[in-house]
Protein backbone atom coordinates (compact mmCIF):
# COMPACT_ATOMS: atom_id res chain seq x y z
CA MET A 1 113.91 70.25 91.30
CA ILE A 2 115.60 73.54 92.23
CA THR A 3 119.23 73.72 92.96
CA VAL A 4 120.80 77.16 94.08
CA ARG A 5 124.45 77.93 94.06
CA HIS A 6 126.34 80.68 95.50
CA LEU A 7 123.27 83.20 94.90
CA ASN A 8 124.10 86.78 95.56
CA LYS A 9 121.97 89.96 95.26
CA THR A 10 123.28 93.55 95.67
CA PHE A 11 121.10 96.63 95.09
CA HIS A 12 122.62 99.57 93.77
CA ASP A 13 119.83 101.94 94.39
CA GLY A 14 121.45 104.54 96.71
CA GLN A 15 124.93 105.65 97.21
CA LYS A 16 126.03 102.77 99.19
CA PRO A 17 125.50 99.11 97.51
CA LEU A 18 123.38 97.02 99.77
CA THR A 19 123.88 93.18 99.49
CA VAL A 20 120.87 91.35 100.54
CA LEU A 21 121.88 87.83 99.60
CA ARG A 22 125.34 86.41 99.95
CA ASP A 23 126.44 83.15 98.91
CA VAL A 24 123.06 81.20 99.29
CA ASN A 25 123.26 77.68 98.38
CA CYS A 26 120.38 74.98 98.81
CA GLU A 27 118.16 72.44 97.00
CA ILE A 28 114.35 71.98 96.96
CA ARG A 29 113.12 68.41 95.93
CA LYS A 30 109.91 67.64 94.41
CA GLY A 31 106.76 67.55 96.74
CA GLU A 32 108.87 69.60 99.47
CA VAL A 33 107.43 72.30 101.29
CA ILE A 34 110.12 74.65 102.50
CA SER A 35 109.42 77.54 104.66
CA ILE A 36 111.68 80.32 104.75
CA ILE A 37 111.57 82.28 108.38
CA GLY A 38 114.00 84.71 109.93
CA PRO A 39 114.04 88.51 110.81
CA SER A 40 112.78 91.18 108.77
CA GLY A 41 115.44 92.50 106.24
CA THR A 42 117.28 89.15 105.88
CA GLY A 43 116.64 88.48 102.33
CA LYS A 44 113.77 86.05 102.43
CA SER A 45 111.51 87.76 99.80
CA THR A 46 114.30 88.60 97.71
CA PHE A 47 115.33 85.06 97.58
CA LEU A 48 112.02 84.13 96.19
CA ARG A 49 111.92 86.75 93.77
CA CYS A 50 115.14 85.74 92.36
CA LEU A 51 114.05 82.11 92.13
CA ASN A 52 111.53 83.30 89.33
CA ARG A 53 113.78 86.09 88.25
CA LEU A 54 111.46 88.93 89.37
CA GLU A 55 114.80 90.13 90.79
CA GLU A 56 117.89 89.51 88.61
CA PRO A 57 120.57 87.99 90.83
CA THR A 58 124.15 89.61 91.01
CA ALA A 59 125.97 86.35 90.89
CA GLY A 60 125.23 82.62 91.08
CA GLN A 61 123.37 79.79 89.54
CA ILE A 62 119.65 78.56 89.65
CA GLU A 63 118.54 75.49 88.09
CA ILE A 64 114.92 74.32 87.62
CA ASP A 65 114.98 70.76 86.63
CA GLY A 66 118.41 70.83 85.43
CA ASP A 67 117.94 74.00 83.45
CA ASP A 68 120.05 77.08 84.21
CA ILE A 69 117.52 79.97 84.44
CA LEU A 70 120.21 82.52 84.61
CA ALA A 71 121.62 81.53 81.06
CA PRO A 72 121.45 84.44 78.65
CA ASP A 73 119.07 82.12 76.21
CA ALA A 74 116.84 81.04 79.15
CA ASP A 75 113.08 81.02 78.33
CA VAL A 76 111.84 83.10 81.35
CA ARG A 77 108.41 83.12 80.17
CA ARG A 78 108.28 79.18 80.33
CA LEU A 79 109.98 79.44 83.70
CA ARG A 80 107.30 81.52 85.11
CA GLN A 81 104.49 79.19 83.73
CA LYS A 82 106.31 76.47 85.60
CA MET A 83 106.77 78.49 88.81
CA GLY A 84 103.65 80.44 90.23
CA MET A 85 103.88 83.23 92.79
CA VAL A 86 101.33 84.42 95.15
CA PHE A 87 102.31 87.88 96.70
CA GLN A 88 101.42 89.48 100.01
CA ASN A 89 99.06 92.01 98.26
CA PHE A 90 96.94 89.92 95.96
CA ASN A 91 97.64 92.01 92.68
CA LEU A 92 94.14 91.27 91.30
CA PHE A 93 92.85 93.44 88.47
CA GLU A 94 90.23 95.57 90.17
CA HIS A 95 88.24 96.20 86.96
CA LEU A 96 88.06 92.42 86.11
CA THR A 97 85.47 90.02 87.48
CA ILE A 98 87.02 87.28 89.71
CA ILE A 99 86.67 84.50 86.95
CA ASP A 100 88.24 86.99 84.46
CA ASN A 101 91.29 87.44 86.73
CA ILE A 102 91.90 83.75 86.85
CA THR A 103 91.26 83.09 83.32
CA LEU A 104 93.33 85.76 81.62
CA ALA A 105 96.67 84.18 82.00
CA PRO A 106 95.64 80.80 80.87
CA ARG A 107 94.02 82.17 77.76
CA ASN A 108 96.68 84.36 76.69
CA LEU A 109 99.62 82.20 77.55
CA LEU A 110 98.45 78.50 77.54
CA GLY A 111 96.07 79.28 74.50
CA LEU A 112 92.96 77.68 76.29
CA SER A 113 89.79 78.46 75.00
CA LYS A 114 87.33 80.65 77.11
CA ALA A 115 85.27 77.54 77.88
CA ASP A 116 88.24 75.40 78.92
CA ALA A 117 89.66 78.31 80.94
CA GLU A 118 86.32 79.08 82.73
CA LYS A 119 85.72 75.51 83.45
CA ARG A 120 89.06 75.16 85.19
CA ALA A 121 88.58 78.53 86.93
CA LEU A 122 85.08 77.39 88.36
CA GLU A 123 86.90 74.18 89.54
CA LEU A 124 89.43 76.05 91.45
CA LEU A 125 87.01 78.50 92.95
CA GLU A 126 85.27 75.64 94.34
CA MET A 127 88.48 74.03 95.67
CA VAL A 128 89.26 77.26 97.47
CA GLY A 129 85.74 77.94 98.85
CA LEU A 130 84.53 80.88 96.59
CA GLY A 131 82.59 79.12 93.85
CA GLU A 132 79.78 81.56 94.32
CA LYS A 133 82.15 84.54 93.90
CA ALA A 134 83.04 84.02 90.23
CA GLY A 135 81.02 87.08 88.90
CA SER A 136 82.23 89.44 91.71
CA LEU A 137 84.73 92.21 91.56
CA PRO A 138 87.69 92.10 93.67
CA ASN A 139 86.50 95.07 95.67
CA GLU A 140 83.50 92.95 96.85
CA LEU A 141 85.68 90.51 98.70
CA SER A 142 87.39 90.66 101.99
CA GLY A 143 91.27 90.46 102.11
CA GLY A 144 91.40 86.54 102.80
CA GLN A 145 88.92 86.06 100.05
CA LYS A 146 91.17 87.96 97.53
CA GLN A 147 94.15 86.03 98.60
CA ARG A 148 92.31 82.74 97.96
CA VAL A 149 91.38 84.18 94.61
CA ALA A 150 95.17 84.94 94.02
CA ILE A 151 95.94 81.16 94.75
CA ALA A 152 93.32 79.94 92.48
CA ARG A 153 94.62 82.37 89.71
CA CYS A 154 98.29 80.99 90.21
CA LEU A 155 97.06 77.26 90.11
CA ALA A 156 95.34 78.05 86.86
CA MET A 157 98.49 78.01 85.06
CA ASN A 158 99.34 74.47 86.48
CA PRO A 159 102.59 75.33 88.14
CA GLN A 160 105.01 72.73 89.19
CA ILE A 161 106.30 74.80 92.02
CA ILE A 162 104.20 77.78 94.05
CA LEU A 163 106.27 80.73 95.73
CA PHE A 164 104.19 82.27 98.50
CA ASP A 165 105.71 85.52 99.73
CA GLU A 166 104.34 86.00 103.26
CA PRO A 167 100.70 85.28 101.91
CA THR A 168 98.92 86.38 104.98
CA SER A 169 101.08 89.30 106.29
CA ALA A 170 98.57 91.89 104.70
CA LEU A 171 95.38 90.18 106.20
CA ASP A 172 93.36 91.02 109.17
CA PRO A 173 94.12 88.30 111.76
CA THR A 174 90.56 86.94 111.52
CA MET A 175 91.05 86.08 107.91
CA VAL A 176 94.77 84.33 108.22
CA SER A 177 93.30 80.78 108.90
CA GLU A 178 91.09 80.67 105.60
CA VAL A 179 94.12 81.17 103.75
CA LEU A 180 96.27 78.93 105.71
CA ALA A 181 93.78 76.18 105.26
CA VAL A 182 94.03 76.44 101.37
CA ILE A 183 97.89 76.09 101.42
CA ARG A 184 97.76 72.99 103.92
CA GLN A 185 95.38 71.36 101.32
CA LEU A 186 97.99 72.10 98.49
CA ALA A 187 100.72 70.67 100.79
CA SER A 188 98.65 67.51 101.28
CA GLN A 189 98.17 66.98 97.67
CA GLY A 190 102.00 67.16 97.13
CA MET A 191 102.37 70.39 95.61
CA THR A 192 106.12 71.76 95.85
CA MET A 193 106.12 75.06 97.61
CA ALA A 194 108.57 77.60 99.03
CA ILE A 195 106.92 79.92 101.66
CA VAL A 196 108.07 82.90 103.27
CA SER A 197 105.88 83.20 106.65
CA HIS A 198 105.56 84.53 110.09
CA GLU A 199 103.16 82.02 111.16
CA MET A 200 105.27 79.67 113.11
CA GLN A 201 102.87 77.21 114.26
CA PHE A 202 101.59 76.96 110.62
CA VAL A 203 105.31 76.73 109.59
CA ARG A 204 105.87 73.74 111.95
CA ASP A 205 102.87 72.02 110.81
CA VAL A 206 103.17 72.15 107.09
CA SER A 207 106.66 72.17 106.35
CA THR A 208 108.97 69.39 104.99
CA ARG A 209 111.96 71.57 105.87
CA VAL A 210 112.63 74.87 107.34
CA PHE A 211 115.33 77.58 106.28
CA PHE A 212 116.18 80.03 108.81
CA MET A 213 117.68 83.05 106.98
CA ASN A 214 120.01 85.65 108.76
CA ASP A 215 122.34 88.20 107.46
CA GLY A 216 121.60 87.19 103.84
CA ILE A 217 122.39 83.57 104.04
CA ILE A 218 120.64 80.25 104.88
CA TYR A 219 122.11 80.18 108.40
CA GLU A 220 120.41 76.98 109.30
CA GLU A 221 117.98 74.50 107.71
CA GLY A 222 116.41 71.26 109.05
CA THR A 223 113.12 69.55 109.58
CA PRO A 224 110.69 71.42 111.81
CA GLU A 225 111.55 69.42 114.74
CA GLN A 226 115.04 70.15 114.58
CA ILE A 227 114.64 74.02 114.02
CA PHE A 228 112.04 74.43 116.44
CA ASP A 229 112.98 72.12 119.13
CA ASN A 230 116.70 71.73 118.81
CA PRO A 231 118.23 74.74 116.80
CA GLN A 232 121.94 74.43 116.81
CA LYS A 233 123.03 78.02 116.28
CA ASN A 234 122.57 80.90 118.52
CA ALA A 235 120.95 83.34 116.04
CA THR A 236 118.35 80.69 115.35
CA LYS A 237 117.80 80.09 119.30
CA SER A 238 117.10 83.66 119.67
CA PHE A 239 114.58 83.94 116.79
CA ILE A 240 112.71 80.71 117.57
CA ASN A 241 112.33 81.49 121.34
CA ARG A 242 111.64 85.14 120.70
CA ILE A 243 109.33 86.95 122.91
CA ARG A 244 107.57 90.18 121.54
CA THR A 245 107.24 93.11 124.07
CA LEU A 246 105.23 95.97 124.61
CA GLU A 247 105.86 98.26 127.53
CA PHE A 248 104.09 101.50 129.22
CA ARG A 249 105.03 103.64 132.09
CA LEU A 250 102.01 105.21 133.58
CA LYS A 251 102.92 107.99 135.72
CA ASP A 252 99.34 108.21 137.51
CA ARG A 253 95.72 107.28 136.75
CA HIS A 254 95.30 110.15 134.39
CA PHE A 255 97.09 108.62 131.44
CA ASP A 256 95.57 108.33 127.82
CA LEU A 257 93.71 105.12 128.01
CA TYR A 258 92.66 105.06 124.40
CA ASP A 259 96.26 105.73 122.97
CA MET A 260 97.37 102.70 125.15
CA PHE A 261 94.36 100.58 123.68
CA GLY A 262 95.47 101.51 120.22
CA GLN A 263 98.93 100.39 120.65
CA VAL A 264 97.79 97.29 122.30
CA GLN A 265 95.52 96.72 119.14
CA ARG A 266 98.45 97.44 116.96
CA PHE A 267 100.66 94.88 118.78
CA CYS A 268 97.79 92.26 118.70
CA SER A 269 97.26 92.42 115.17
CA LYS A 270 100.87 92.53 114.07
CA TYR A 271 101.56 89.21 115.75
CA GLY A 272 98.31 87.46 114.87
CA LEU A 273 96.56 87.74 118.28
CA GLY A 274 92.78 87.90 117.73
CA GLU A 275 90.07 90.20 118.98
CA LYS A 276 89.29 87.95 121.63
CA ILE A 277 92.44 88.35 123.29
CA PHE A 278 92.66 91.95 122.73
CA GLY A 279 89.40 92.39 124.45
CA LYS A 280 90.68 90.53 127.43
CA ILE A 281 93.60 92.77 127.70
CA GLN A 282 91.40 95.84 127.60
CA HIS A 283 89.31 94.51 130.61
CA VAL A 284 92.44 93.77 132.30
CA ILE A 285 94.13 97.13 131.94
CA GLU A 286 90.99 98.80 132.90
CA GLU A 287 90.54 96.96 136.22
CA MET A 288 93.98 96.95 137.02
CA THR A 289 94.60 100.71 136.43
CA SER A 290 91.38 101.96 137.80
CA GLU A 291 90.78 99.66 140.81
CA ILE A 292 93.58 97.49 141.81
CA MET A 293 96.85 99.13 141.41
CA PRO A 294 97.52 101.61 144.06
CA PHE A 295 99.06 104.32 141.96
CA ASP A 296 101.02 105.92 144.95
CA THR A 297 103.83 106.05 142.25
CA ALA A 298 104.25 105.30 138.77
CA VAL A 299 103.20 101.92 137.46
CA SER A 300 104.89 100.11 134.54
CA VAL A 301 103.14 97.76 132.27
CA VAL A 302 104.78 95.02 130.25
CA ILE A 303 102.96 92.92 127.77
CA ASP A 304 105.06 89.86 126.77
CA TYR A 305 104.07 87.48 123.88
CA SER A 306 105.97 84.45 123.34
CA GLU A 307 105.36 83.24 119.59
CA LYS A 308 106.92 79.66 120.45
CA ASN A 309 104.61 78.98 123.45
CA GLY A 310 101.60 80.97 122.28
CA THR A 311 101.16 82.59 125.77
CA LEU A 312 100.77 86.15 126.70
CA THR A 313 101.88 87.56 129.91
CA MET A 314 100.89 91.08 131.37
CA THR A 315 103.17 92.38 134.31
CA PHE A 316 101.92 95.22 136.44
CA THR A 317 104.54 96.66 138.73
CA GLN A 318 103.91 99.37 141.47
CA GLU A 319 107.26 101.31 141.58
CA ASN A 320 108.76 101.67 145.08
CA TYR A 321 106.15 99.33 146.54
CA THR A 322 106.57 99.14 150.42
CA ALA A 323 103.77 97.14 151.81
CA ALA A 324 104.62 93.74 153.03
CA ASP A 325 101.48 91.86 152.22
CA GLY A 326 101.30 92.47 148.47
CA ILE A 327 98.41 93.96 146.36
CA ILE A 328 96.59 90.54 145.98
CA ALA A 329 96.98 89.39 149.29
CA GLY A 330 95.98 92.73 150.64
CA ALA A 331 92.84 93.07 148.81
CA ASP A 332 89.40 92.51 150.33
CA ALA A 333 88.31 88.76 149.70
CA ASP A 334 85.13 89.95 147.81
CA ASN A 335 87.12 92.44 145.52
CA VAL A 336 85.20 92.40 142.42
CA SER A 337 88.02 93.69 140.00
CA LEU A 338 90.27 91.02 141.14
CA MET A 339 87.72 88.26 140.62
CA LEU A 340 87.07 89.75 137.11
CA VAL A 341 90.49 89.60 136.32
CA GLY A 342 91.03 86.17 137.64
CA GLY A 343 88.23 84.91 135.51
CA LEU A 344 89.87 86.53 132.43
CA CYS A 345 93.06 84.84 132.71
CA SER A 346 94.79 81.59 132.98
CA GLU A 347 96.68 82.55 135.98
CA MET A 348 97.33 85.51 138.26
CA THR A 349 100.14 85.66 140.69
CA GLU A 350 102.18 87.99 142.59
CA PRO A 351 105.85 86.72 142.74
CA VAL A 352 106.96 89.80 144.76
CA PRO A 353 104.93 92.49 146.58
CA GLY A 354 103.84 95.25 144.31
CA THR A 355 104.11 93.07 141.06
CA VAL A 356 101.15 91.13 139.55
CA ARG A 357 101.66 88.93 136.74
CA ILE A 358 98.59 87.81 134.59
CA LEU A 359 98.94 84.77 132.32
CA PHE A 360 96.90 84.21 129.10
CA ASN A 361 96.88 81.27 126.77
CA ALA A 362 96.93 83.09 123.31
């Protein structure tokens, strides 16, 4: 359905040219769900935008059903009717109702009557679970609801292919699942899709194939099982097994607790960890720093989140700890704070005296 050969894209906005895509080659077949993953800044979104010519490639060839869309006489308008795109930030018209947002393009570009366009829009709103929101304005909807409307608007043009550019990155973590559920439904119906996403479990569940992009190329591709369970290249292995880390060094008990909580909350939000986990982390920090750690010297706190395994580990280390029996072993048997922390986590251990490790299943 889509064939890409030797695709290159260089930006010349600054004094020094910036090459974002370099010799990208791939095929996307009808009915496939291609997920595109990789570190930030490796060309994933630019690749999607080149596919429907929102960005003009510097060199290369893109064919859609055998038509060269980079040819001088290519009908870009017809291309964009065939290939819909859902963006990070919804791009709804704030002054129009939801149903008017959805019917605008089908009426103007496809020539549908108002009645036919509205009938189709209502069907799509029902499909994405928002039938009662037809007369609402965008500012009356949550971020997740707006993104579902954006998907319905895209579907109203009857595309053969849908491109999703990080469709959940602008959402509160609590709203991610409702958008991903709609995309899963489209995948089950056989819609051809290319999805840039950082939601690794979703990518694993929904994809036919996965493209790992690095340094402007498709560095490795394969089935989800191949990419996640048996990656062949070092950069892929590093990315798939990546652990996100947040570190603190607390000189004494008089540290800025609320600043620490703010950083932890941003960390949880960035990596899709919900309010429940954030609440547990808060309680653990409070108990560990106020009651359990001796604070004879500075204490380091390290929070590690494994995106692959979905586990979160908190490690509290008392610097220059000298007692032989350890913090946990040396505590009273009825220590309420230790019992509280133990009840919040999956596992609490002290691998070496002075270092307490707390594990959560995120």
